[in-house]
């Protein structure tokens, strides 16, 4: 914790406060984020699983060695294989932080284990409708506890970008137009409310 700020507890208090002022379906609270925000969504899923139904990190692998949710939390991870700031295979990222990252595979396997999902995924190639130098594969690890699943949207040739959106900086790499992160998340979250 930098400056002794507990981001998970802060998020818990924000959610608790929102529930006093707005009508919130407590079974449908989800987390997403890009890069560091994606990494944070894993922490919320692990440490705040009593309030987070499912997560959808983009371009951010898990930042911890393990995850220990109190209940199964479904995960859909979208990540480009050519992501240099947060390398798909792990290792030192290029750019501002030079952070040492866990691999996407580490992230997937940690949540497959935590959720009790099947060890072998169902692999589906997404139709390459836009010739933008990327191809997309969906790997679904299903049959987890309480209907949970872990899904990897692997973007071959994709950079540190939000799928379906033009990147703000060309230096971060290619962004696929073959899928929309927004649409995939909406579909996934609709399917995975808290049980």
N, C-alpha and C. Protein backbone atom coordinates (compact mmCIF):
# COMPACT_ATOMS: atom_id res chain seq x y z
N UNK A 1 0.83 -1.18 0.00
CA UNK A 1 0.00 0.00 0.00
C UNK A 1 0.88 1.25 0.00
N UNK A 2 0.81 2.02 -1.03
CA UNK A 2 1.53 3.28 -1.10
C UNK A 2 0.76 4.31 -0.29
N UNK A 3 1.47 5.07 0.52
CA UNK A 3 0.85 6.10 1.37
C UNK A 3 -0.23 5.54 2.29
N UNK A 4 -0.15 4.26 2.59
CA UNK A 4 -1.10 3.60 3.49
C UNK A 4 -2.55 3.75 3.03
N UNK A 5 -2.76 3.73 1.73
CA UNK A 5 -4.11 3.81 1.17
C UNK A 5 -4.55 2.41 0.78
N UNK A 6 -5.66 1.99 1.30
CA UNK A 6 -6.20 0.66 1.02
C UNK A 6 -7.26 0.79 -0.07
N UNK A 7 -6.86 0.55 -1.33
CA UNK A 7 -7.76 0.73 -2.47
C UNK A 7 -8.96 -0.21 -2.43
N UNK A 8 -8.76 -1.41 -1.93
CA UNK A 8 -9.88 -2.36 -1.85
C UNK A 8 -10.90 -1.89 -0.82
N UNK A 9 -10.43 -1.45 0.34
CA UNK A 9 -11.36 -0.95 1.37
C UNK A 9 -12.05 0.32 0.90
N UNK A 10 -11.32 1.17 0.18
CA UNK A 10 -11.94 2.37 -0.39
C UNK A 10 -13.08 1.99 -1.33
N UNK A 11 -12.83 1.00 -2.19
CA UNK A 11 -13.86 0.55 -3.13
C UNK A 11 -15.06 -0.01 -2.37
N UNK A 12 -14.81 -0.78 -1.32
CA UNK A 12 -15.91 -1.33 -0.50
C UNK A 12 -16.77 -0.19 0.06
N UNK A 13 -16.12 0.84 0.57
CA UNK A 13 -16.86 1.96 1.18
C UNK A 13 -17.63 2.75 0.12
N UNK A 14 -17.06 2.89 -1.07
CA UNK A 14 -17.78 3.57 -2.15
C UNK A 14 -19.04 2.77 -2.51
N UNK A 15 -18.89 1.44 -2.66
CA UNK A 15 -20.05 0.61 -2.98
C UNK A 15 -21.10 0.67 -1.89
N UNK A 16 -20.66 0.62 -0.63
CA UNK A 16 -21.61 0.70 0.49
C UNK A 16 -22.33 2.05 0.49
N UNK A 17 -21.59 3.12 0.23
CA UNK A 17 -22.19 4.46 0.21
C UNK A 17 -23.18 4.60 -0.95
N UNK A 18 -22.80 4.10 -2.12
CA UNK A 18 -23.69 4.16 -3.28
C UNK A 18 -25.02 3.45 -3.00
N UNK A 19 -24.94 2.36 -2.28
CA UNK A 19 -26.15 1.59 -1.97
C UNK A 19 -27.12 2.37 -1.09
N UNK A 20 -26.64 3.40 -0.40
CA UNK A 20 -27.53 4.21 0.44
C UNK A 20 -28.19 5.34 -0.34
N UNK A 21 -27.66 5.65 -1.53
CA UNK A 21 -28.18 6.79 -2.29
C UNK A 21 -28.76 6.42 -3.66
N UNK A 22 -28.51 5.21 -4.11
CA UNK A 22 -28.99 4.78 -5.43
C UNK A 22 -29.51 3.35 -5.34
N UNK A 23 -30.37 3.02 -6.27
CA UNK A 23 -30.87 1.65 -6.34
C UNK A 23 -29.85 0.81 -7.09
N UNK A 24 -29.24 -0.10 -6.38
CA UNK A 24 -28.18 -0.93 -6.96
C UNK A 24 -28.57 -2.40 -6.80
N UNK A 25 -28.42 -3.15 -7.87
CA UNK A 25 -28.62 -4.60 -7.79
C UNK A 25 -27.31 -5.18 -7.27
N UNK A 26 -27.28 -5.55 -6.01
CA UNK A 26 -26.04 -6.02 -5.39
C UNK A 26 -25.53 -7.33 -5.99
N UNK A 27 -26.37 -8.00 -6.77
CA UNK A 27 -25.94 -9.24 -7.45
C UNK A 27 -25.26 -8.93 -8.79
N UNK A 28 -25.27 -7.65 -9.19
CA UNK A 28 -24.73 -7.27 -10.49
C UNK A 28 -23.75 -6.09 -10.38
N UNK A 29 -22.76 -6.27 -9.53
CA UNK A 29 -21.68 -5.28 -9.41
C UNK A 29 -20.45 -5.92 -10.06
N UNK A 30 -19.92 -5.23 -11.07
CA UNK A 30 -18.83 -5.78 -11.88
C UNK A 30 -17.65 -4.81 -11.87
N UNK A 31 -16.48 -5.32 -12.21
CA UNK A 31 -15.28 -4.48 -12.28
C UNK A 31 -14.56 -4.72 -13.60
N UNK A 32 -14.04 -3.64 -14.15
CA UNK A 32 -13.22 -3.73 -15.35
C UNK A 32 -12.18 -2.62 -15.29
N UNK A 33 -11.25 -2.67 -16.16
CA UNK A 33 -10.24 -1.63 -16.25
C UNK A 33 -9.20 -2.03 -17.28
N UNK A 34 -8.47 -1.04 -17.72
CA UNK A 34 -7.41 -1.24 -18.71
C UNK A 34 -6.06 -1.10 -18.00
N UNK A 35 -5.15 -2.02 -18.28
CA UNK A 35 -3.79 -1.96 -17.76
C UNK A 35 -3.81 -2.04 -16.23
N UNK A 36 -3.36 -0.99 -15.52
CA UNK A 36 -3.38 -1.02 -14.05
C UNK A 36 -4.80 -1.20 -13.53
N UNK A 37 -5.78 -0.64 -14.23
CA UNK A 37 -7.17 -0.81 -13.83
C UNK A 37 -7.61 -2.27 -13.95
N UNK A 38 -7.10 -2.97 -14.96
CA UNK A 38 -7.37 -4.40 -15.09
C UNK A 38 -6.74 -5.19 -13.96
N UNK A 39 -5.51 -4.82 -13.62
CA UNK A 39 -4.83 -5.47 -12.50
C UNK A 39 -5.62 -5.26 -11.21
N UNK A 40 -6.13 -4.05 -11.03
CA UNK A 40 -6.94 -3.75 -9.84
C UNK A 40 -8.22 -4.58 -9.82
N UNK A 41 -8.82 -4.83 -10.98
CA UNK A 41 -10.05 -5.61 -11.00
C UNK A 41 -9.81 -7.02 -10.46
N UNK A 42 -8.62 -7.59 -10.71
CA UNK A 42 -8.29 -8.90 -10.12
C UNK A 42 -8.27 -8.83 -8.60
N UNK A 43 -7.66 -7.76 -8.06
CA UNK A 43 -7.61 -7.61 -6.60
C UNK A 43 -9.02 -7.52 -6.02
N UNK A 44 -9.87 -6.75 -6.69
CA UNK A 44 -11.24 -6.62 -6.20
C UNK A 44 -11.94 -7.97 -6.22
N UNK A 45 -11.75 -8.73 -7.29
CA UNK A 45 -12.38 -10.05 -7.39
C UNK A 45 -11.88 -10.99 -6.29
N UNK A 46 -10.61 -10.89 -5.97
CA UNK A 46 -10.03 -11.77 -4.96
C UNK A 46 -10.39 -11.33 -3.54
N UNK A 47 -10.29 -10.03 -3.27
CA UNK A 47 -10.44 -9.54 -1.90
C UNK A 47 -11.82 -8.98 -1.59
N UNK A 48 -12.65 -8.79 -2.62
CA UNK A 48 -13.98 -8.21 -2.43
C UNK A 48 -15.03 -9.06 -3.14
N UNK A 49 -14.79 -10.38 -3.14
CA UNK A 49 -15.66 -11.28 -3.89
C UNK A 49 -17.08 -11.34 -3.31
N UNK A 50 -17.26 -10.84 -2.10
CA UNK A 50 -18.62 -10.79 -1.54
C UNK A 50 -19.45 -9.67 -2.17
N UNK A 51 -18.79 -8.77 -2.94
CA UNK A 51 -19.51 -7.68 -3.58
C UNK A 51 -19.32 -7.62 -5.09
N UNK A 52 -18.31 -8.29 -5.62
CA UNK A 52 -18.02 -8.23 -7.05
C UNK A 52 -18.49 -9.53 -7.70
N UNK A 53 -19.39 -9.42 -8.68
CA UNK A 53 -19.97 -10.60 -9.33
C UNK A 53 -19.03 -11.21 -10.36
N UNK A 54 -18.40 -10.36 -11.19
CA UNK A 54 -17.50 -10.82 -12.26
C UNK A 54 -16.60 -9.66 -12.66
N UNK A 55 -15.51 -9.99 -13.35
CA UNK A 55 -14.57 -8.95 -13.78
C UNK A 55 -14.19 -9.12 -15.24
N UNK A 56 -13.69 -8.03 -15.82
CA UNK A 56 -13.27 -8.04 -17.23
C UNK A 56 -12.02 -7.17 -17.41
N UNK A 57 -10.85 -7.66 -17.00
CA UNK A 57 -9.62 -6.89 -17.19
C UNK A 57 -9.21 -6.85 -18.67
N UNK A 58 -8.67 -5.71 -19.08
CA UNK A 58 -8.18 -5.52 -20.45
C UNK A 58 -6.71 -5.11 -20.37
N UNK A 59 -5.84 -5.88 -21.02
CA UNK A 59 -4.43 -5.53 -21.09
C UNK A 59 -3.76 -5.43 -19.73
N UNK A 60 -4.25 -6.20 -18.78
CA UNK A 60 -3.67 -6.19 -17.44
C UNK A 60 -3.71 -7.57 -16.85
N UNK A 61 -2.57 -8.25 -16.73
CA UNK A 61 -2.56 -9.56 -16.08
C UNK A 61 -2.68 -9.41 -14.57
N UNK A 62 -2.94 -10.49 -13.90
CA UNK A 62 -3.06 -10.49 -12.45
C UNK A 62 -1.74 -10.01 -11.83
N UNK A 63 -1.83 -9.21 -10.78
CA UNK A 63 -0.63 -8.66 -10.16
C UNK A 63 -0.17 -9.38 -8.92
N UNK A 64 -0.81 -10.50 -8.59
CA UNK A 64 -0.44 -11.25 -7.39
C UNK A 64 -0.15 -12.70 -7.76
N UNK A 65 0.54 -13.38 -6.87
CA UNK A 65 0.90 -14.77 -7.10
C UNK A 65 -0.32 -15.68 -7.07
N UNK A 66 -1.25 -15.39 -6.16
CA UNK A 66 -2.45 -16.23 -6.02
C UNK A 66 -3.69 -15.34 -5.90
N UNK A 67 -4.83 -15.98 -5.95
CA UNK A 67 -6.10 -15.30 -5.68
C UNK A 67 -6.88 -16.18 -4.72
N UNK A 68 -7.60 -15.53 -3.81
CA UNK A 68 -8.33 -16.29 -2.81
C UNK A 68 -9.73 -15.71 -2.59
N UNK A 69 -10.56 -15.78 -3.61
CA UNK A 69 -11.92 -15.26 -3.44
C UNK A 69 -12.72 -16.15 -2.48
N UNK A 70 -13.66 -15.52 -1.78
CA UNK A 70 -14.54 -16.26 -0.86
C UNK A 70 -15.61 -17.03 -1.62
N UNK A 71 -15.86 -16.63 -2.86
CA UNK A 71 -16.85 -17.28 -3.72
C UNK A 71 -16.32 -17.20 -5.15
N UNK A 72 -16.83 -18.04 -6.05
CA UNK A 72 -16.36 -17.99 -7.44
C UNK A 72 -16.69 -16.64 -8.09
N UNK A 73 -15.74 -16.11 -8.83
CA UNK A 73 -15.91 -14.86 -9.57
C UNK A 73 -15.52 -15.14 -11.01
N UNK A 74 -16.46 -15.02 -11.92
CA UNK A 74 -16.16 -15.26 -13.34
C UNK A 74 -15.27 -14.15 -13.88
N UNK A 75 -14.38 -14.53 -14.80
CA UNK A 75 -13.39 -13.61 -15.36
C UNK A 75 -13.39 -13.71 -16.88
N UNK A 76 -13.43 -12.56 -17.56
CA UNK A 76 -13.14 -12.52 -18.99
C UNK A 76 -11.98 -11.56 -19.15
N UNK A 77 -10.87 -12.07 -19.66
CA UNK A 77 -9.65 -11.29 -19.84
C UNK A 77 -9.41 -11.07 -21.33
N UNK A 78 -9.21 -9.82 -21.72
CA UNK A 78 -8.90 -9.47 -23.11
C UNK A 78 -7.46 -8.97 -23.14
N UNK A 79 -6.62 -9.61 -23.96
CA UNK A 79 -5.20 -9.24 -23.94
C UNK A 79 -4.57 -9.51 -25.30
N UNK A 80 -3.77 -8.57 -25.77
CA UNK A 80 -3.06 -8.71 -27.04
C UNK A 80 -1.73 -9.43 -26.87
N UNK A 81 -1.39 -10.26 -27.85
CA UNK A 81 -0.12 -11.00 -27.78
C UNK A 81 1.09 -10.10 -28.03
N UNK A 82 0.87 -8.93 -28.63
CA UNK A 82 1.97 -7.99 -28.89
C UNK A 82 1.93 -6.80 -27.93
N UNK A 83 1.35 -7.00 -26.78
CA UNK A 83 1.27 -5.96 -25.74
C UNK A 83 2.66 -5.81 -25.13
N UNK A 84 3.31 -4.70 -25.36
CA UNK A 84 4.66 -4.48 -24.83
C UNK A 84 4.67 -3.92 -23.41
N UNK A 85 3.78 -2.98 -23.06
CA UNK A 85 3.78 -2.48 -21.68
C UNK A 85 3.41 -3.56 -20.64
N UNK A 86 2.53 -4.50 -20.99
CA UNK A 86 2.14 -5.62 -20.11
C UNK A 86 2.24 -6.90 -20.93
N UNK A 87 3.44 -7.47 -21.06
CA UNK A 87 3.67 -8.59 -21.98
C UNK A 87 2.77 -9.80 -21.73
N UNK A 88 2.23 -10.34 -22.80
CA UNK A 88 1.35 -11.50 -22.76
C UNK A 88 2.01 -12.67 -22.03
N UNK A 89 3.29 -12.88 -22.30
CA UNK A 89 4.01 -14.00 -21.69
C UNK A 89 4.67 -13.63 -20.37
N UNK A 90 4.40 -12.44 -19.88
CA UNK A 90 4.98 -11.99 -18.63
C UNK A 90 6.36 -11.39 -18.84
N UNK A 91 6.97 -10.96 -17.78
CA UNK A 91 8.29 -10.35 -17.85
C UNK A 91 8.20 -8.84 -17.73
N UNK A 92 9.32 -8.22 -17.99
CA UNK A 92 9.43 -6.77 -17.82
C UNK A 92 8.72 -6.03 -18.94
N UNK A 93 7.82 -5.15 -18.54
CA UNK A 93 7.08 -4.35 -19.51
C UNK A 93 7.92 -3.19 -20.02
N UNK A 94 7.65 -2.80 -21.26
CA UNK A 94 8.32 -1.64 -21.84
C UNK A 94 7.49 -0.40 -21.58
N UNK A 95 8.13 0.71 -21.36
CA UNK A 95 7.39 1.95 -21.16
C UNK A 95 7.72 2.61 -19.85
N UNK A 96 6.75 3.29 -19.31
CA UNK A 96 6.97 4.13 -18.15
C UNK A 96 7.41 3.39 -16.90
N UNK A 97 6.76 2.29 -16.58
CA UNK A 97 7.03 1.66 -15.29
C UNK A 97 8.16 0.63 -15.31
N UNK A 98 8.31 -0.09 -16.39
CA UNK A 98 9.29 -1.18 -16.42
C UNK A 98 8.95 -2.26 -15.41
N UNK A 99 7.67 -2.41 -15.12
CA UNK A 99 7.18 -3.38 -14.13
C UNK A 99 7.42 -4.81 -14.60
N UNK A 100 7.67 -5.69 -13.66
CA UNK A 100 7.78 -7.12 -13.93
C UNK A 100 6.38 -7.72 -13.78
N UNK A 101 5.85 -8.31 -14.86
CA UNK A 101 4.48 -8.81 -14.87
C UNK A 101 4.42 -10.32 -14.84
N UNK A 102 3.33 -10.84 -14.23
CA UNK A 102 2.98 -12.24 -14.38
C UNK A 102 2.44 -12.41 -15.80
N UNK A 103 2.44 -13.63 -16.30
CA UNK A 103 1.91 -13.90 -17.64
C UNK A 103 0.39 -13.96 -17.62
N UNK A 104 -0.19 -13.84 -18.80
CA UNK A 104 -1.63 -14.03 -18.95
C UNK A 104 -1.99 -15.45 -18.54
N UNK A 105 -1.17 -16.41 -18.92
CA UNK A 105 -1.43 -17.82 -18.55
C UNK A 105 -1.49 -17.99 -17.04
N UNK A 106 -0.60 -17.33 -16.32
CA UNK A 106 -0.63 -17.37 -14.84
C UNK A 106 -1.98 -16.87 -14.33
N UNK A 107 -2.43 -15.76 -14.90
CA UNK A 107 -3.71 -15.16 -14.49
C UNK A 107 -4.86 -16.13 -14.73
N UNK A 108 -4.88 -16.69 -15.93
CA UNK A 108 -5.96 -17.62 -16.30
C UNK A 108 -5.96 -18.84 -15.39
N UNK A 109 -4.80 -19.45 -15.22
CA UNK A 109 -4.74 -20.68 -14.42
C UNK A 109 -5.08 -20.45 -12.96
N UNK A 110 -4.71 -19.29 -12.41
CA UNK A 110 -5.05 -18.99 -11.01
C UNK A 110 -6.56 -18.95 -10.83
N UNK A 111 -7.27 -18.33 -11.78
CA UNK A 111 -8.72 -18.22 -11.66
C UNK A 111 -9.44 -19.50 -12.06
N UNK A 112 -8.89 -20.26 -12.98
CA UNK A 112 -9.45 -21.58 -13.30
C UNK A 112 -9.43 -22.44 -12.03
N UNK A 113 -8.31 -22.41 -11.32
CA UNK A 113 -8.18 -23.19 -10.08
C UNK A 113 -9.13 -22.66 -9.00
N UNK A 114 -9.14 -21.34 -8.80
CA UNK A 114 -9.98 -20.75 -7.74
C UNK A 114 -11.47 -21.02 -7.98
N UNK A 115 -11.88 -21.01 -9.25
CA UNK A 115 -13.29 -21.20 -9.59
C UNK A 115 -13.67 -22.67 -9.81
N UNK A 116 -12.67 -23.56 -9.83
CA UNK A 116 -12.95 -24.97 -10.06
C UNK A 116 -13.42 -25.26 -11.47
N UNK A 117 -12.87 -24.53 -12.44
CA UNK A 117 -13.27 -24.71 -13.84
C UNK A 117 -12.54 -25.89 -14.48
N UNK A 118 -13.04 -26.30 -15.64
CA UNK A 118 -12.37 -27.35 -16.41
C UNK A 118 -10.97 -26.88 -16.78
N UNK A 119 -10.02 -27.81 -16.80
CA UNK A 119 -8.62 -27.44 -17.06
C UNK A 119 -8.32 -27.21 -18.53
N UNK A 120 -9.13 -27.79 -19.40
CA UNK A 120 -8.94 -27.60 -20.84
C UNK A 120 -10.03 -26.69 -21.37
N UNK A 121 -9.64 -25.67 -22.14
CA UNK A 121 -10.65 -24.74 -22.64
C UNK A 121 -11.34 -25.23 -23.91
N UNK A 122 -12.51 -24.68 -24.15
CA UNK A 122 -13.16 -24.79 -25.46
C UNK A 122 -12.60 -23.62 -26.26
N UNK A 123 -11.98 -23.92 -27.39
CA UNK A 123 -11.30 -22.90 -28.19
C UNK A 123 -12.14 -22.58 -29.43
N UNK A 124 -12.42 -21.28 -29.61
CA UNK A 124 -13.21 -20.82 -30.74
C UNK A 124 -12.48 -19.69 -31.44
N UNK A 125 -12.25 -19.84 -32.73
CA UNK A 125 -11.67 -18.75 -33.53
C UNK A 125 -12.80 -17.77 -33.86
N UNK A 126 -12.56 -16.49 -33.64
CA UNK A 126 -13.53 -15.45 -33.99
C UNK A 126 -13.32 -15.11 -35.47
N UNK A 127 -14.40 -14.99 -36.20
CA UNK A 127 -14.33 -14.69 -37.62
C UNK A 127 -13.54 -13.40 -37.86
N UNK A 128 -12.56 -13.48 -38.74
CA UNK A 128 -11.70 -12.34 -39.06
C UNK A 128 -12.39 -11.49 -40.13
N UNK A 129 -13.31 -10.63 -39.69
CA UNK A 129 -14.10 -9.83 -40.63
C UNK A 129 -13.42 -8.54 -41.04
N UNK A 130 -12.51 -8.05 -40.20
CA UNK A 130 -11.80 -6.81 -40.49
C UNK A 130 -10.32 -7.15 -40.62
N UNK A 131 -9.75 -6.93 -41.77
CA UNK A 131 -8.35 -7.27 -42.01
C UNK A 131 -7.46 -6.15 -41.46
N UNK A 132 -7.22 -6.20 -40.13
CA UNK A 132 -6.46 -5.14 -39.46
C UNK A 132 -5.14 -5.65 -38.88
N UNK A 133 -4.73 -6.85 -39.29
CA UNK A 133 -3.47 -7.41 -38.79
C UNK A 133 -3.61 -8.13 -37.46
N UNK A 134 -4.86 -8.37 -37.04
CA UNK A 134 -5.09 -9.11 -35.80
C UNK A 134 -6.06 -10.26 -36.06
N UNK A 135 -5.96 -11.28 -35.25
CA UNK A 135 -6.95 -12.35 -35.23
C UNK A 135 -7.30 -12.61 -33.77
N UNK A 136 -8.50 -13.12 -33.54
CA UNK A 136 -8.98 -13.27 -32.18
C UNK A 136 -9.41 -14.71 -31.92
N UNK A 137 -8.98 -15.24 -30.77
CA UNK A 137 -9.37 -16.57 -30.33
C UNK A 137 -9.99 -16.45 -28.95
N UNK A 138 -11.11 -17.15 -28.76
CA UNK A 138 -11.78 -17.19 -27.46
C UNK A 138 -11.49 -18.55 -26.83
N UNK A 139 -10.97 -18.55 -25.60
CA UNK A 139 -10.70 -19.79 -24.86
C UNK A 139 -11.56 -19.76 -23.61
N UNK A 140 -12.51 -20.68 -23.53
CA UNK A 140 -13.47 -20.71 -22.43
C UNK A 140 -13.23 -21.91 -21.53
N UNK A 141 -12.94 -21.63 -20.27
CA UNK A 141 -12.78 -22.66 -19.24
C UNK A 141 -14.08 -22.65 -18.44
N UNK A 142 -14.95 -23.61 -18.70
CA UNK A 142 -16.28 -23.59 -18.13
C UNK A 142 -16.47 -24.54 -16.98
N UNK A 143 -17.74 -24.75 -16.65
CA UNK A 143 -18.19 -25.69 -15.62
C UNK A 143 -17.58 -25.44 -14.25
N UNK A 144 -17.38 -24.17 -13.92
CA UNK A 144 -16.86 -23.82 -12.61
C UNK A 144 -17.95 -23.85 -11.55
N UNK A 145 -17.53 -23.68 -10.31
CA UNK A 145 -18.46 -23.63 -9.18
C UNK A 145 -19.47 -22.51 -9.41
N UNK A 146 -20.72 -22.80 -9.07
CA UNK A 146 -21.82 -21.83 -9.18
C UNK A 146 -21.96 -21.26 -10.60
N UNK A 147 -21.60 -22.07 -11.61
CA UNK A 147 -21.74 -21.64 -13.00
C UNK A 147 -20.65 -20.68 -13.47
N UNK A 148 -19.60 -20.55 -12.69
CA UNK A 148 -18.53 -19.61 -13.07
C UNK A 148 -17.73 -20.14 -14.25
N UNK A 149 -17.08 -19.22 -14.91
CA UNK A 149 -16.17 -19.58 -16.01
C UNK A 149 -15.06 -18.54 -16.10
N UNK A 150 -14.01 -18.93 -16.78
CA UNK A 150 -12.89 -18.04 -17.06
C UNK A 150 -12.72 -18.04 -18.57
N UNK A 151 -12.68 -16.84 -19.16
CA UNK A 151 -12.59 -16.71 -20.61
C UNK A 151 -11.40 -15.82 -20.95
N UNK A 152 -10.59 -16.29 -21.89
CA UNK A 152 -9.51 -15.48 -22.43
C UNK A 152 -9.87 -15.09 -23.86
N UNK A 153 -9.87 -13.81 -24.13
CA UNK A 153 -9.99 -13.30 -25.49
C UNK A 153 -8.57 -12.93 -25.90
N UNK A 154 -7.94 -13.83 -26.64
CA UNK A 154 -6.53 -13.67 -27.05
C UNK A 154 -6.49 -12.99 -28.41
N UNK A 155 -5.85 -11.83 -28.45
CA UNK A 155 -5.81 -11.03 -29.67
C UNK A 155 -4.42 -11.13 -30.28
N UNK A 156 -4.28 -12.03 -31.24
CA UNK A 156 -3.00 -12.23 -31.92
C UNK A 156 -2.67 -10.96 -32.70
N UNK A 157 -1.53 -10.35 -32.37
CA UNK A 157 -1.11 -9.12 -33.03
C UNK A 157 -1.61 -7.86 -32.35
N UNK A 158 -2.43 -8.02 -31.31
CA UNK A 158 -2.97 -6.87 -30.60
C UNK A 158 -1.98 -6.28 -29.62
N UNK A 159 -2.04 -4.98 -29.45
CA UNK A 159 -1.16 -4.28 -28.53
C UNK A 159 -1.83 -3.98 -27.20
N UNK A 160 -1.35 -2.94 -26.55
CA UNK A 160 -1.85 -2.51 -25.24
C UNK A 160 -3.02 -1.57 -25.50
N UNK A 161 -4.12 -2.14 -25.97
CA UNK A 161 -5.24 -1.37 -26.50
C UNK A 161 -6.59 -1.92 -26.02
N UNK A 162 -7.63 -1.12 -26.25
CA UNK A 162 -9.01 -1.51 -25.92
C UNK A 162 -9.64 -2.07 -27.20
N UNK A 163 -9.91 -3.37 -27.27
CA UNK A 163 -10.48 -3.97 -28.48
C UNK A 163 -11.76 -3.27 -28.95
N UNK A 164 -11.78 -2.97 -30.23
CA UNK A 164 -12.93 -2.32 -30.83
C UNK A 164 -12.81 -0.81 -30.90
N UNK A 165 -11.78 -0.26 -30.29
CA UNK A 165 -11.56 1.19 -30.28
C UNK A 165 -10.22 1.52 -30.92
N UNK A 166 -10.17 2.63 -31.62
CA UNK A 166 -8.92 3.10 -32.20
C UNK A 166 -8.00 3.55 -31.05
N UNK A 167 -6.75 3.10 -31.02
CA UNK A 167 -5.86 3.52 -29.94
C UNK A 167 -5.54 5.01 -30.03
N UNK A 168 -5.41 5.64 -28.87
CA UNK A 168 -5.08 7.07 -28.84
C UNK A 168 -3.65 7.32 -29.28
N UNK A 169 -2.78 6.35 -29.01
CA UNK A 169 -1.38 6.46 -29.39
C UNK A 169 -1.00 5.27 -30.25
N UNK A 170 -0.41 5.49 -31.38
CA UNK A 170 0.02 4.39 -32.26
C UNK A 170 1.10 3.54 -31.60
N UNK A 171 1.88 4.15 -30.69
CA UNK A 171 2.99 3.45 -30.05
C UNK A 171 2.54 2.27 -29.19
N UNK A 172 1.25 2.22 -28.81
CA UNK A 172 0.78 1.12 -27.95
C UNK A 172 0.42 -0.13 -28.75
N UNK A 173 0.46 -0.04 -30.07
CA UNK A 173 0.20 -1.20 -30.90
C UNK A 173 -1.17 -1.19 -31.55
N UNK A 174 -1.48 -2.31 -32.19
CA UNK A 174 -2.73 -2.44 -32.93
C UNK A 174 -3.90 -2.75 -32.01
N UNK A 175 -5.05 -2.24 -32.40
CA UNK A 175 -6.29 -2.57 -31.72
C UNK A 175 -7.18 -3.32 -32.69
N UNK A 176 -7.65 -4.48 -32.28
CA UNK A 176 -8.51 -5.26 -33.17
C UNK A 176 -9.87 -4.60 -33.35
N UNK A 177 -10.41 -4.74 -34.52
CA UNK A 177 -11.78 -4.30 -34.79
C UNK A 177 -12.68 -5.53 -34.99
N UNK A 178 -12.10 -6.73 -34.82
CA UNK A 178 -12.87 -7.97 -34.99
C UNK A 178 -13.77 -8.27 -33.80
N UNK A 179 -13.51 -7.65 -32.66
CA UNK A 179 -14.39 -7.77 -31.49
C UNK A 179 -14.45 -6.41 -30.80
N UNK A 180 -15.48 -6.22 -30.02
CA UNK A 180 -15.63 -5.02 -29.19
C UNK A 180 -15.55 -5.44 -27.73
N UNK A 181 -14.58 -4.89 -27.01
CA UNK A 181 -14.48 -5.19 -25.58
C UNK A 181 -15.79 -4.84 -24.88
N UNK A 182 -16.37 -3.71 -25.21
CA UNK A 182 -17.61 -3.27 -24.57
C UNK A 182 -18.72 -4.31 -24.75
N UNK A 183 -18.89 -4.78 -25.98
CA UNK A 183 -19.95 -5.75 -26.26
C UNK A 183 -19.69 -7.09 -25.56
N UNK A 184 -18.44 -7.55 -25.60
CA UNK A 184 -18.10 -8.82 -24.95
C UNK A 184 -18.33 -8.75 -23.44
N UNK A 185 -17.95 -7.62 -22.84
CA UNK A 185 -18.15 -7.45 -21.39
C UNK A 185 -19.63 -7.45 -21.05
N UNK A 186 -20.42 -6.70 -21.81
CA UNK A 186 -21.85 -6.61 -21.52
C UNK A 186 -22.48 -8.00 -21.56
N UNK A 187 -22.16 -8.75 -22.60
CA UNK A 187 -22.69 -10.11 -22.74
C UNK A 187 -22.25 -10.99 -21.57
N UNK A 188 -20.98 -10.89 -21.19
CA UNK A 188 -20.41 -11.70 -20.12
C UNK A 188 -21.05 -11.33 -18.77
N UNK A 189 -21.14 -10.05 -18.50
CA UNK A 189 -21.70 -9.61 -17.23
C UNK A 189 -23.18 -9.98 -17.11
N UNK A 190 -23.93 -9.88 -18.20
CA UNK A 190 -25.34 -10.30 -18.16
C UNK A 190 -25.46 -11.77 -17.78
N UNK A 191 -24.50 -12.57 -18.21
CA UNK A 191 -24.51 -14.02 -17.98
C UNK A 191 -24.07 -14.40 -16.57
N UNK A 192 -23.33 -13.48 -15.88
CA UNK A 192 -22.70 -13.86 -14.61
C UNK A 192 -23.03 -12.95 -13.43
N UNK A 193 -24.32 -12.86 -13.05
CA UNK A 193 -24.62 -12.16 -11.81
C UNK A 193 -24.16 -13.04 -10.63
N UNK A 194 -24.04 -12.44 -9.47
CA UNK A 194 -23.67 -13.20 -8.28
C UNK A 194 -24.81 -14.15 -7.94
N UNK A 195 -24.46 -15.37 -7.57
CA UNK A 195 -25.48 -16.38 -7.20
C UNK A 195 -25.90 -16.19 -5.76
